[in-house]
Amino acid sequence: LYDVLDALYMDEMVKSIRNWMKNPASSGVVTEEPQNTCDNLKNT
């Protein structure tokens, strides 16, 4: 039964999201420079 919440570590997922929200700039997730950034997003 993979299509139910009990098949997932949902508390860990929430924890990961909250940790990212606390410090997104140093979340440990490696990001690349956007390839096709829209002009109106470049100052964000």
PDB file of all heavy atoms in Angstrom:
ATOM      1  N   LEU A   1       0.839  -1.194   0.000  1.00  0.00           N
ATOM      2  CA  LEU A   1       0.000   0.000   0.000  1.00  0.00           C
ATOM      3  C   LEU A   1       0.876   1.247   0.000  1.00  0.00           C
ATOM      4  O   LEU A   1       1.096   1.872   1.035  1.00  0.00           O
ATOM      5  CB  LEU A   1      -0.922  -0.005   1.218  1.00  0.00           C
ATOM      6  CG  LEU A   1      -1.919  -1.156   1.288  1.00  0.00           C
ATOM      7  CD1 LEU A   1      -2.658  -1.155   2.617  1.00  0.00           C
ATOM      8  CD2 LEU A   1      -2.901  -1.069   0.130  1.00  0.00           C
ATOM      9  N   TYR A   2       1.343   1.610  -1.182  1.00  0.00           N
ATOM     10  CA  TYR A   2       2.198   2.790  -1.324  1.00  0.00           C
ATOM     11  C   TYR A   2       1.403   4.079  -1.499  1.00  0.00           C
ATOM     12  O   TYR A   2       1.950   5.163  -1.345  1.00  0.00           O
ATOM     13  CB  TYR A   2       3.145   2.630  -2.524  1.00  0.00           C
ATOM     14  CG  TYR A   2       4.269   1.675  -2.265  1.00  0.00           C
ATOM     15  CD1 TYR A   2       4.281   0.413  -2.842  1.00  0.00           C
ATOM     16  CD2 TYR A   2       5.335   2.027  -1.443  1.00  0.00           C
ATOM     17  CE1 TYR A   2       5.325  -0.461  -2.602  1.00  0.00           C
ATOM     18  CE2 TYR A   2       6.379   1.169  -1.198  1.00  0.00           C
ATOM     19  CZ  TYR A   2       6.366  -0.077  -1.783  1.00  0.00           C
ATOM     20  OH  TYR A   2       7.395  -0.945  -1.543  1.00  0.00           O
ATOM     21  N   ASP A   3       0.125   3.982  -1.822  1.00  0.00           N
ATOM     22  CA  ASP A   3      -0.690   5.169  -2.102  1.00  0.00           C
ATOM     23  C   ASP A   3      -1.415   5.701  -0.873  1.00  0.00           C
ATOM     24  O   ASP A   3      -2.501   6.270  -0.982  1.00  0.00           O
ATOM     25  CB  ASP A   3      -1.704   4.863  -3.212  1.00  0.00           C
ATOM     26  CG  ASP A   3      -1.045   4.670  -4.566  1.00  0.00           C
ATOM     27  OD1 ASP A   3       0.103   5.103  -4.717  1.00  0.00           O
ATOM     28  OD2 ASP A   3      -1.682   4.099  -5.454  1.00  0.00           O
ATOM     29  N   VAL A   4      -0.807   5.521   0.299  1.00  0.00           N
ATOM     30  CA  VAL A   4      -1.394   6.023   1.542  1.00  0.00           C
ATOM     31  C   VAL A   4      -0.325   6.780   2.328  1.00  0.00           C
ATOM     32  O   VAL A   4       0.875   6.539   2.167  1.00  0.00           O
ATOM     33  CB  VAL A   4      -1.974   4.872   2.403  1.00  0.00           C
ATOM     34  CG1 VAL A   4      -3.136   4.186   1.699  1.00  0.00           C
ATOM     35  CG2 VAL A   4      -0.909   3.861   2.761  1.00  0.00           C
ATOM     36  N   LEU A   5      -0.767   7.695   3.173  1.00  0.00           N
ATOM     37  CA  LEU A   5       0.172   8.501   3.955  1.00  0.00           C
ATOM     38  C   LEU A   5       1.062   7.664   4.860  1.00  0.00           C
ATOM     39  O   LEU A   5       2.208   8.020   5.116  1.00  0.00           O
ATOM     40  CB  LEU A   5      -0.589   9.539   4.787  1.00  0.00           C
ATOM     41  CG  LEU A   5      -1.175  10.708   4.003  1.00  0.00           C
ATOM     42  CD1 LEU A   5      -2.076  11.541   4.898  1.00  0.00           C
ATOM     43  CD2 LEU A   5      -0.082  11.558   3.394  1.00  0.00           C
ATOM     44  N   ASP A   6       0.543   6.521   5.334  1.00  0.00           N
ATOM     45  CA  ASP A   6       1.338   5.674   6.222  1.00  0.00           C
ATOM     46  C   ASP A   6       2.550   5.046   5.535  1.00  0.00           C
ATOM     47  O   ASP A   6       3.429   4.507   6.203  1.00  0.00           O
ATOM     48  CB  ASP A   6       0.470   4.559   6.814  1.00  0.00           C
ATOM     49  CG  ASP A   6      -0.479   5.073   7.885  1.00  0.00           C
ATOM     50  OD1 ASP A   6      -0.220   6.165   8.428  1.00  0.00           O
ATOM     51  OD2 ASP A   6      -1.472   4.382   8.183  1.00  0.00           O
ATOM     52  N   ALA A   7       2.626   5.136   4.221  1.00  0.00           N
ATOM     53  CA  ALA A   7       3.776   4.600   3.487  1.00  0.00           C
ATOM     54  C   ALA A   7       4.916   5.613   3.414  1.00  0.00           C
ATOM     55  O   ALA A   7       5.975   5.320   2.862  1.00  0.00           O
ATOM     56  CB  ALA A   7       3.358   4.194   2.079  1.00  0.00           C
ATOM     57  N   LEU A   8       4.695   6.793   3.970  1.00  0.00           N
ATOM     58  CA  LEU A   8       5.659   7.889   3.877  1.00  0.00           C
ATOM     59  C   LEU A   8       6.042   8.400   5.257  1.00  0.00           C
ATOM     60  O   LEU A   8       5.247   8.376   6.191  1.00  0.00           O
ATOM     61  CB  LEU A   8       5.054   9.040   3.073  1.00  0.00           C
ATOM     62  CG  LEU A   8       4.702   8.718   1.632  1.00  0.00           C
ATOM     63  CD1 LEU A   8       3.493   9.502   1.193  1.00  0.00           C
ATOM     64  CD2 LEU A   8       5.881   9.004   0.736  1.00  0.00           C
ATOM     65  N   TYR A   9       7.259   8.915   5.360  1.00  0.00           N
ATOM     66  CA  TYR A   9       7.707   9.606   6.568  1.00  0.00           C
ATOM     67  C   TYR A   9       7.291  11.075   6.436  1.00  0.00           C
ATOM     68  O   TYR A   9       8.113  11.946   6.161  1.00  0.00           O
ATOM     69  CB  TYR A   9       9.223   9.511   6.725  1.00  0.00           C
ATOM     70  CG  TYR A   9       9.744   8.137   7.035  1.00  0.00           C
ATOM     71  CD1 TYR A   9      10.633   7.507   6.174  1.00  0.00           C
ATOM     72  CD2 TYR A   9       9.377   7.472   8.206  1.00  0.00           C
ATOM     73  CE1 TYR A   9      11.138   6.250   6.471  1.00  0.00           C
ATOM     74  CE2 TYR A   9       9.877   6.218   8.505  1.00  0.00           C
ATOM     75  CZ  TYR A   9      10.754   5.613   7.636  1.00  0.00           C
ATOM     76  OH  TYR A   9      11.255   4.376   7.926  1.00  0.00           O
ATOM     77  N   MET A  10       6.013  11.353   6.655  1.00  0.00           N
ATOM     78  CA  MET A  10       5.496  12.698   6.443  1.00  0.00           C
ATOM     79  C   MET A  10       6.034  13.688   7.474  1.00  0.00           C
ATOM     80  O   MET A  10       6.266  14.852   7.147  1.00  0.00           O
ATOM     81  CB  MET A  10       3.969  12.678   6.447  1.00  0.00           C
ATOM     82  CG  MET A  10       3.373  11.925   5.257  1.00  0.00           C
ATOM     83  SD  MET A  10       3.888  12.594   3.660  1.00  0.00           S
ATOM     84  CE  MET A  10       3.138  14.199   3.705  1.00  0.00           C
ATOM     85  N   ASP A  11       6.244  13.246   8.706  1.00  0.00           N
ATOM     86  CA  ASP A  11       6.805  14.154   9.716  1.00  0.00           C
ATOM     87  C   ASP A  11       8.194  14.625   9.309  1.00  0.00           C
ATOM     88  O   ASP A  11       8.554  15.779   9.520  1.00  0.00           O
ATOM     89  CB  ASP A  11       6.870  13.476  11.087  1.00  0.00           C
ATOM     90  CG  ASP A  11       5.491  13.273  11.701  1.00  0.00           C
ATOM     91  OD1 ASP A  11       4.548  13.975  11.282  1.00  0.00           O
ATOM     92  OD2 ASP A  11       5.359  12.414  12.593  1.00  0.00           O
ATOM     93  N   GLU A  12       8.968  13.719   8.719  1.00  0.00           N
ATOM     94  CA  GLU A  12      10.314  14.082   8.249  1.00  0.00           C
ATOM     95  C   GLU A  12      10.239  15.077   7.094  1.00  0.00           C
ATOM     96  O   GLU A  12      11.063  15.985   6.982  1.00  0.00           O
ATOM     97  CB  GLU A  12      11.096  12.835   7.828  1.00  0.00           C
ATOM     98  CG  GLU A  12      11.483  11.953   8.982  1.00  0.00           C
ATOM     99  CD  GLU A  12      12.412  12.654   9.965  1.00  0.00           C
ATOM    100  OE1 GLU A  12      13.348  13.352   9.523  1.00  0.00           O
ATOM    101  OE2 GLU A  12      12.197  12.506  11.182  1.00  0.00           O
ATOM    102  N   MET A  13       9.233  14.914   6.245  1.00  0.00           N
ATOM    103  CA  MET A  13       9.053  15.837   5.129  1.00  0.00           C
ATOM    104  C   MET A  13       8.735  17.236   5.646  1.00  0.00           C
ATOM    105  O   MET A  13       9.328  18.226   5.191  1.00  0.00           O
ATOM    106  CB  MET A  13       7.949  15.340   4.208  1.00  0.00           C
ATOM    107  CG  MET A  13       7.764  16.167   2.972  1.00  0.00           C
ATOM    108  SD  MET A  13       6.516  15.411   1.919  1.00  0.00           S
ATOM    109  CE  MET A  13       6.616  16.485   0.518  1.00  0.00           C
ATOM    110  N   VAL A  14       7.815  17.327   6.605  1.00  0.00           N
ATOM    111  CA  VAL A  14       7.464  18.624   7.194  1.00  0.00           C
ATOM    112  C   VAL A  14       8.697  19.240   7.850  1.00  0.00           C
ATOM    113  O   VAL A  14       8.964  20.441   7.701  1.00  0.00           O
ATOM    114  CB  VAL A  14       6.307  18.481   8.201  1.00  0.00           C
ATOM    115  CG1 VAL A  14       6.084  19.769   8.972  1.00  0.00           C
ATOM    116  CG2 VAL A  14       5.025  18.069   7.487  1.00  0.00           C
ATOM    117  N   LYS A  15       9.454  18.421   8.550  1.00  0.00           N
ATOM    118  CA  LYS A  15      10.682  18.900   9.210  1.00  0.00           C
ATOM    119  C   LYS A  15      11.662  19.463   8.184  1.00  0.00           C
ATOM    120  O   LYS A  15      12.264  20.519   8.398  1.00  0.00           O
ATOM    121  CB  LYS A  15      11.315  17.754   9.991  1.00  0.00           C
ATOM    122  CG  LYS A  15      12.527  18.130  10.780  1.00  0.00           C
ATOM    123  CD  LYS A  15      13.050  16.916  11.550  1.00  0.00           C
ATOM    124  CE  LYS A  15      14.360  17.227  12.228  1.00  0.00           C
ATOM    125  NZ  LYS A  15      14.900  16.041  12.918  1.00  0.00           N
ATOM    126  N   SER A  16      11.833  18.782   7.058  1.00  0.00           N
ATOM    127  CA  SER A  16      12.731  19.254   5.997  1.00  0.00           C
ATOM    128  C   SER A  16      12.272  20.596   5.435  1.00  0.00           C
ATOM    129  O   SER A  16      13.088  21.483   5.180  1.00  0.00           O
ATOM    130  CB  SER A  16      12.819  18.225   4.865  1.00  0.00           C
ATOM    131  OG  SER A  16      13.441  17.060   5.305  1.00  0.00           O
ATOM    132  N   ILE A  17      10.978  20.736   5.234  1.00  0.00           N
ATOM    133  CA  ILE A  17      10.441  21.991   4.707  1.00  0.00           C
ATOM    134  C   ILE A  17      10.650  23.120   5.715  1.00  0.00           C
ATOM    135  O   ILE A  17      11.102  24.211   5.357  1.00  0.00           O
ATOM    136  CB  ILE A  17       8.944  21.844   4.356  1.00  0.00           C
ATOM    137  CG1 ILE A  17       8.776  20.850   3.202  1.00  0.00           C
ATOM    138  CG2 ILE A  17       8.334  23.197   4.001  1.00  0.00           C
ATOM    139  CD1 ILE A  17       7.348  20.408   2.968  1.00  0.00           C
ATOM    140  N   ARG A  18      10.345  22.855   6.978  1.00  0.00           N
ATOM    141  CA  ARG A  18      10.523  23.877   8.018  1.00  0.00           C
ATOM    142  C   ARG A  18      11.997  24.277   8.162  1.00  0.00           C
ATOM    143  O   ARG A  18      12.313  25.459   8.344  1.00  0.00           O
ATOM    144  CB  ARG A  18       9.967  23.395   9.351  1.00  0.00           C
ATOM    145  CG  ARG A  18       8.455  23.352   9.385  1.00  0.00           C
ATOM    146  CD  ARG A  18       7.948  23.057  10.798  1.00  0.00           C
ATOM    147  NE  ARG A  18       6.535  22.824  10.830  1.00  0.00           N
ATOM    148  CZ  ARG A  18       5.604  23.769  10.842  1.00  0.00           C
ATOM    149  NH1 ARG A  18       5.961  25.025  10.799  1.00  0.00           N
ATOM    150  NH2 ARG A  18       4.326  23.459  10.893  1.00  0.00           N
ATOM    151  N   ASN A  19      12.897  23.304   8.076  1.00  0.00           N
ATOM    152  CA  ASN A  19      14.331  23.608   8.145  1.00  0.00           C
ATOM    153  C   ASN A  19      14.752  24.495   6.978  1.00  0.00           C
ATOM    154  O   ASN A  19      15.526  25.433   7.148  1.00  0.00           O
ATOM    155  CB  ASN A  19      15.171  22.333   8.181  1.00  0.00           C
ATOM    156  CG  ASN A  19      15.110  21.640   9.520  1.00  0.00           C
ATOM    157  OD1 ASN A  19      14.771  22.241  10.534  1.00  0.00           O
ATOM    158  ND2 ASN A  19      15.406  20.355   9.525  1.00  0.00           N
ATOM    159  N   TRP A  20      14.243  24.203   5.789  1.00  0.00           N
ATOM    160  CA  TRP A  20      14.548  25.032   4.627  1.00  0.00           C
ATOM    161  C   TRP A  20      14.015  26.444   4.848  1.00  0.00           C
ATOM    162  O   TRP A  20      14.695  27.429   4.555  1.00  0.00           O
ATOM    163  CB  TRP A  20      13.947  24.435   3.354  1.00  0.00           C
ATOM    164  CG  TRP A  20      14.234  25.268   2.151  1.00  0.00           C
ATOM    165  CD1 TRP A  20      15.313  25.164   1.330  1.00  0.00           C
ATOM    166  CD2 TRP A  20      13.449  26.370   1.656  1.00  0.00           C
ATOM    167  NE1 TRP A  20      15.239  26.137   0.351  1.00  0.00           N
ATOM    168  CE2 TRP A  20      14.113  26.886   0.531  1.00  0.00           C
ATOM    169  CE3 TRP A  20      12.262  26.962   2.064  1.00  0.00           C
ATOM    170  CZ2 TRP A  20      13.607  27.961  -0.196  1.00  0.00           C
ATOM    171  CZ3 TRP A  20      11.765  28.035   1.346  1.00  0.00           C
ATOM    172  CH2 TRP A  20      12.445  28.520   0.217  1.00  0.00           C
ATOM    173  N   MET A  21      12.813  26.559   5.378  1.00  0.00           N
ATOM    174  CA  MET A  21      12.195  27.874   5.587  1.00  0.00           C
ATOM    175  C   MET A  21      12.989  28.732   6.575  1.00  0.00           C
ATOM    176  O   MET A  21      13.045  29.946   6.428  1.00  0.00           O
ATOM    177  CB  MET A  21      10.753  27.711   6.094  1.00  0.00           C
ATOM    178  CG  MET A  21       9.802  27.145   5.054  1.00  0.00           C
ATOM    179  SD  MET A  21       8.187  26.736   5.737  1.00  0.00           S
ATOM    180  CE  MET A  21       7.529  28.389   5.992  1.00  0.00           C
ATOM    181  N   LYS A  22      13.600  28.101   7.565  1.00  0.00           N
ATOM    182  CA  LYS A  22      14.383  28.837   8.557  1.00  0.00           C
ATOM    183  C   LYS A  22      15.631  29.459   7.956  1.00  0.00           C
ATOM    184  O   LYS A  22      16.047  30.540   8.349  1.00  0.00           O
ATOM    185  CB  LYS A  22      14.792  27.914   9.700  1.00  0.00           C
ATOM    186  CG  LYS A  22      13.670  27.537  10.614  1.00  0.00           C
ATOM    187  CD  LYS A  22      14.168  26.580  11.678  1.00  0.00           C
ATOM    188  CE  LYS A  22      12.999  25.986  12.435  1.00  0.00           C
ATOM    189  NZ  LYS A  22      13.436  24.892  13.305  1.00  0.00           N
ATOM    190  N   ASN A  23      16.246  28.749   7.004  1.00  0.00           N
ATOM    191  CA  ASN A  23      17.496  29.237   6.440  1.00  0.00           C
ATOM    192  C   ASN A  23      17.668  28.750   4.999  1.00  0.00           C
ATOM    193  O   ASN A  23      18.509  27.899   4.722  1.00  0.00           O
ATOM    194  CB  ASN A  23      18.672  28.769   7.307  1.00  0.00           C
ATOM    195  CG  ASN A  23      19.911  29.582   7.036  1.00  0.00           C
ATOM    196  OD1 ASN A  23      19.922  30.471   6.187  1.00  0.00           O
ATOM    197  ND2 ASN A  23      20.965  29.267   7.745  1.00  0.00           N
ATOM    198  N   PRO A  24      16.876  29.288   4.078  1.00  0.00           N
ATOM    199  CA  PRO A  24      16.923  28.803   2.695  1.00  0.00           C
ATOM    200  C   PRO A  24      18.242  29.082   1.986  1.00  0.00           C
ATOM    201  O   PRO A  24      18.641  28.330   1.101  1.00  0.00           O
ATOM    202  CB  PRO A  24      15.770  29.532   2.018  1.00  0.00           C
ATOM    203  CG  PRO A  24      15.544  30.741   2.839  1.00  0.00           C
ATOM    204  CD  PRO A  24      15.902  30.358   4.247  1.00  0.00           C
ATOM    205  N   ALA A  25      18.929  30.129   2.371  1.00  0.00           N
ATOM    206  CA  ALA A  25      20.179  30.478   1.688  1.00  0.00           C
ATOM    207  C   ALA A  25      21.269  29.452   1.943  1.00  0.00           C
ATOM    208  O   ALA A  25      22.166  29.275   1.117  1.00  0.00           O
ATOM    209  CB  ALA A  25      20.650  31.861   2.130  1.00  0.00           C
ATOM    210  N   SER A  26      21.201  28.753   3.054  1.00  0.00           N
ATOM    211  CA  SER A  26      22.216  27.740   3.346  1.00  0.00           C
ATOM    212  C   SER A  26      21.557  26.403   3.639  1.00  0.00           C
ATOM    213  O   SER A  26      21.911  25.711   4.576  1.00  0.00           O
ATOM    214  CB  SER A  26      23.090  28.167   4.525  1.00  0.00           C
ATOM    215  OG  SER A  26      22.299  28.281   5.683  1.00  0.00           O
ATOM    216  N   SER A  27      20.592  26.052   2.809  1.00  0.00           N
ATOM    217  CA  SER A  27      19.810  24.835   3.039  1.00  0.00           C
ATOM    218  C   SER A  27      20.567  23.564   2.722  1.00  0.00           C
ATOM    219  O   SER A  27      20.095  22.482   3.006  1.00  0.00           O
ATOM    220  CB  SER A  27      18.530  24.869   2.199  1.00  0.00           C
ATOM    221  OG  SER A  27      18.860  24.834   0.828  1.00  0.00           O
ATOM    222  N   GLY A  28      21.729  23.690   2.131  1.00  0.00           N
ATOM    223  CA  GLY A  28      22.477  22.501   1.759  1.00  0.00           C
ATOM    224  C   GLY A  28      22.068  21.940   0.406  1.00  0.00           C
ATOM    225  O   GLY A  28      22.665  21.007  -0.091  1.00  0.00           O
ATOM    226  N   VAL A  29      21.053  22.522  -0.186  1.00  0.00           N
ATOM    227  CA  VAL A  29      20.612  22.099  -1.505  1.00  0.00           C
ATOM    228  C   VAL A  29      21.422  22.872  -2.531  1.00  0.00           C
ATOM    229  O   VAL A  29      21.451  24.092  -2.528  1.00  0.00           O
ATOM    230  CB  VAL A  29      19.102  22.373  -1.709  1.00  0.00           C
ATOM    231  CG1 VAL A  29      18.662  21.947  -3.094  1.00  0.00           C
ATOM    232  CG2 VAL A  29      18.290  21.665  -0.646  1.00  0.00           C
ATOM    233  N   VAL A  30      22.113  22.148  -3.397  1.00  0.00           N
ATOM    234  CA  VAL A  30      22.944  22.790  -4.413  1.00  0.00           C
ATOM    235  C   VAL A  30      22.057  23.253  -5.549  1.00  0.00           C
ATOM    236  O   VAL A  30      21.253  22.490  -6.076  1.00  0.00           O
ATOM    237  CB  VAL A  30      24.015  21.815  -4.947  1.00  0.00           C
ATOM    238  CG1 VAL A  30      24.839  22.456  -6.030  1.00  0.00           C
ATOM    239  CG2 VAL A  30      24.887  21.325  -3.801  1.00  0.00           C
ATOM    240  N   THR A  31      22.178  24.517  -5.900  1.00  0.00           N
ATOM    241  CA  THR A  31      21.385  25.042  -7.005  1.00  0.00           C
ATOM    242  C   THR A  31      22.306  25.586  -8.079  1.00  0.00           C
ATOM    243  O   THR A  31      23.396  26.052  -7.809  1.00  0.00           O
ATOM    244  CB  THR A  31      20.449  26.176  -6.539  1.00  0.00           C
ATOM    245  OG1 THR A  31      21.240  27.211  -5.972  1.00  0.00           O
ATOM    246  CG2 THR A  31      19.443  25.685  -5.531  1.00  0.00           C
ATOM    247  N   GLU A  32      21.831  25.492  -9.291  1.00  0.00           N
ATOM    248  CA  GLU A  32      22.562  26.048 -10.429  1.00  0.00           C
ATOM    249  C   GLU A  32      21.978  27.413 -10.735  1.00  0.00           C
ATOM    250  O   GLU A  32      20.868  27.736 -10.339  1.00  0.00           O
ATOM    251  CB  GLU A  32      22.388  25.134 -11.647  1.00  0.00           C
ATOM    252  CG  GLU A  32      22.829  23.703 -11.407  1.00  0.00           C
ATOM    253  CD  GLU A  32      22.364  22.782 -12.526  1.00  0.00           C
ATOM    254  OE1 GLU A  32      21.833  23.270 -13.541  1.00  0.00           O
ATOM    255  OE2 GLU A  32      22.524  21.575 -12.364  1.00  0.00           O
ATOM    256  N   GLU A  33      22.726  28.214 -11.459  1.00  0.00           N
ATOM    257  CA  GLU A  33      22.184  29.489 -11.925  1.00  0.00           C
ATOM    258  C   GLU A  33      21.047  29.193 -12.900  1.00  0.00           C
ATOM    259  O   GLU A  33      21.160  28.311 -13.744  1.00  0.00           O
ATOM    260  CB  GLU A  33      23.270  30.292 -12.648  1.00  0.00           C
ATOM    261  CG  GLU A  33      24.224  30.978 -11.701  1.00  0.00           C
ATOM    262  CD  GLU A  33      23.534  32.024 -10.849  1.00  0.00           C
ATOM    263  OE1 GLU A  33      22.768  32.845 -11.400  1.00  0.00           O
ATOM    264  OE2 GLU A  33      23.745  32.016  -9.629  1.00  0.00           O
ATOM    265  N   PRO A  34      19.945  29.917 -12.801  1.00  0.00           N
ATOM    266  CA  PRO A  34      18.840  29.707 -13.734  1.00  0.00           C
ATOM    267  C   PRO A  34      19.300  29.945 -15.163  1.00  0.00           C
ATOM    268  O   PRO A  34      20.081  30.857 -15.423  1.00  0.00           O
ATOM    269  CB  PRO A  34      17.800  30.740 -13.317  1.00  0.00           C
ATOM    270  CG  PRO A  34      18.195  31.183 -11.956  1.00  0.00           C
ATOM    271  CD  PRO A  34      19.658  30.940 -11.816  1.00  0.00           C
ATOM    272  N   GLN A  35      18.809  29.107 -16.065  1.00  0.00           N
ATOM    273  CA  GLN A  35      19.219  29.218 -17.465  1.00  0.00           C
ATOM    274  C   GLN A  35      18.418  30.249 -18.235  1.00  0.00           C
ATOM    275  O   GLN A  35      18.937  30.948 -19.070  1.00  0.00           O
ATOM    276  CB  GLN A  35      19.075  27.845 -18.143  1.00  0.00           C
ATOM    277  CG  GLN A  35      19.985  26.806 -17.534  1.00  0.00           C
ATOM    278  CD  GLN A  35      19.679  25.422 -18.065  1.00  0.00           C
ATOM    279  OE1 GLN A  35      18.756  25.215 -18.842  1.00  0.00           O
ATOM    280  NE2 GLN A  35      20.459  24.450 -17.637  1.00  0.00           N
ATOM    281  N   ASN A  36      17.138  30.324 -17.963  1.00  0.00           N
ATOM    282  CA  ASN A  36      16.256  31.192 -18.746  1.00  0.00           C
ATOM    283  C   ASN A  36      15.462  32.124 -17.844  1.00  0.00           C
ATOM    284  O   ASN A  36      14.254  32.238 -17.964  1.00  0.00           O
ATOM    285  CB  ASN A  36      15.273  30.339 -19.567  1.00  0.00           C
ATOM    286  CG  ASN A  36      15.988  29.448 -20.540  1.00  0.00           C
ATOM    287  OD1 ASN A  36      16.876  29.907 -21.237  1.00  0.00           O
ATOM    288  ND2 ASN A  36      15.628  28.185 -20.583  1.00  0.00           N
ATOM    289  N   THR A  37      16.128  32.782 -16.941  1.00  0.00           N
ATOM    290  CA  THR A  37      15.432  33.654 -16.006  1.00  0.00           C
ATOM    291  C   THR A  37      14.742  34.790 -16.755  1.00  0.00           C
ATOM    292  O   THR A  37      15.350  35.459 -17.570  1.00  0.00           O
ATOM    293  CB  THR A  37      16.415  34.252 -14.980  1.00  0.00           C
ATOM    294  OG1 THR A  37      17.077  33.183 -14.329  1.00  0.00           O
ATOM    295  CG2 THR A  37      15.687  35.088 -13.956  1.00  0.00           C
ATOM    296  N   CYS A  38      13.474  34.984 -16.430  1.00  0.00           N
ATOM    297  CA  CYS A  38      12.732  36.098 -17.018  1.00  0.00           C
ATOM    298  C   CYS A  38      13.338  37.404 -16.519  1.00  0.00           C
ATOM    299  O   CYS A  38      13.791  37.493 -15.386  1.00  0.00           O
ATOM    300  CB  CYS A  38      11.267  36.025 -16.599  1.00  0.00           C
ATOM    301  SG  CYS A  38      10.462  34.502 -17.083  1.00  0.00           S
ATOM    302  N   ASP A  39      13.346  38.427 -17.351  1.00  0.00           N
ATOM    303  CA  ASP A  39      13.938  39.714 -16.990  1.00  0.00           C
ATOM    304  C   ASP A  39      13.351  40.283 -15.701  1.00  0.00           C
ATOM    305  O   ASP A  39      14.062  40.849 -14.889  1.00  0.00           O
ATOM    306  CB  ASP A  39      13.772  40.727 -18.122  1.00  0.00           C
ATOM    307  CG  ASP A  39      14.691  40.405 -19.297  1.00  0.00           C
ATOM    308  OD1 ASP A  39      15.721  39.745 -19.071  1.00  0.00           O
ATOM    309  OD2 ASP A  39      14.358  40.819 -20.418  1.00  0.00           O
ATOM    310  N   ASN A  40      12.048  40.132 -15.490  1.00  0.00           N
ATOM    311  CA  ASN A  40      11.434  40.713 -14.297  1.00  0.00           C
ATOM    312  C   ASN A  40      11.723  39.906 -13.032  1.00  0.00           C
ATOM    313  O   ASN A  40      11.342  40.299 -11.950  1.00  0.00           O
ATOM    314  CB  ASN A  40       9.931  40.908 -14.478  1.00  0.00           C
ATOM    315  CG  ASN A  40       9.214  39.611 -14.764  1.00  0.00           C
ATOM    316  OD1 ASN A  40       9.828  38.596 -15.048  1.00  0.00           O
ATOM    317  ND2 ASN A  40       7.903  39.648 -14.712  1.00  0.00           N
ATOM    318  N   LEU A  41      12.431  38.781 -13.135  1.00  0.00           N
ATOM    319  CA  LEU A  41      12.803  37.995 -11.966  1.00  0.00           C
ATOM    320  C   LEU A  41      14.268  38.164 -11.582  1.00  0.00           C
ATOM    321  O   LEU A  41      14.687  37.714 -10.532  1.00  0.00           O
ATOM    322  CB  LEU A  41      12.540  36.504 -12.218  1.00  0.00           C
ATOM    323  CG  LEU A  41      11.092  36.083 -12.366  1.00  0.00           C
ATOM    324  CD1 LEU A  41      11.011  34.609 -12.735  1.00  0.00           C
ATOM    325  CD2 LEU A  41      10.307  36.365 -11.114  1.00  0.00           C
ATOM    326  N   LYS A  42      15.036  38.831 -12.402  1.00  0.00           N
ATOM    327  CA  LYS A  42      16.471  38.934 -12.159  1.00  0.00           C
ATOM    328  C   LYS A  42      16.811  39.760 -10.923  1.00  0.00           C
ATOM    329  O   LYS A  42      17.882  39.605 -10.362  1.00  0.00           O
ATOM    330  CB  LYS A  42      17.176  39.479 -13.397  1.00  0.00           C
ATOM    331  CG  LYS A  42      17.172  38.461 -14.518  1.00  0.00           C
ATOM    332  CD  LYS A  42      17.932  38.930 -15.719  1.00  0.00           C
ATOM    333  CE  LYS A  42      17.874  37.827 -16.782  1.00  0.00           C
ATOM    334  NZ  LYS A  42      18.518  38.196 -18.003  1.00  0.00           N
ATOM    335  N   ASN A  43      15.925  40.613 -10.466  1.00  0.00           N
ATOM    336  CA  ASN A  43      16.192  41.447  -9.296  1.00  0.00           C
ATOM    337  C   ASN A  43      15.598  40.870  -8.019  1.00  0.00           C
ATOM    338  O   ASN A  43      15.470  41.574  -7.027  1.00  0.00           O
ATOM    339  CB  ASN A  43      15.660  42.860  -9.525  1.00  0.00           C
ATOM    340  CG  ASN A  43      16.403  43.550 -10.656  1.00  0.00           C
ATOM    341  OD1 ASN A  43      17.608  43.365 -10.787  1.00  0.00           O
ATOM    342  ND2 ASN A  43      15.688  44.307 -11.453  1.00  0.00           N
ATOM    343  N   THR A  44      15.241  39.602  -8.022  1.00  0.00           N
ATOM    344  CA  THR A  44      14.624  38.980  -6.855  1.00  0.00           C
ATOM    345  C   THR A  44      15.628  38.119  -6.102  1.00  0.00           C
ATOM    346  O   THR A  44      15.308  37.013  -5.677  1.00  0.00           O
ATOM    347  CB  THR A  44      13.412  38.139  -7.273  1.00  0.00           C
ATOM    348  OG1 THR A  44      13.852  37.144  -8.208  1.00  0.00           O
ATOM    349  CG2 THR A  44      12.317  38.988  -7.876  1.00  0.00           C
TER     350      THR A  44
END
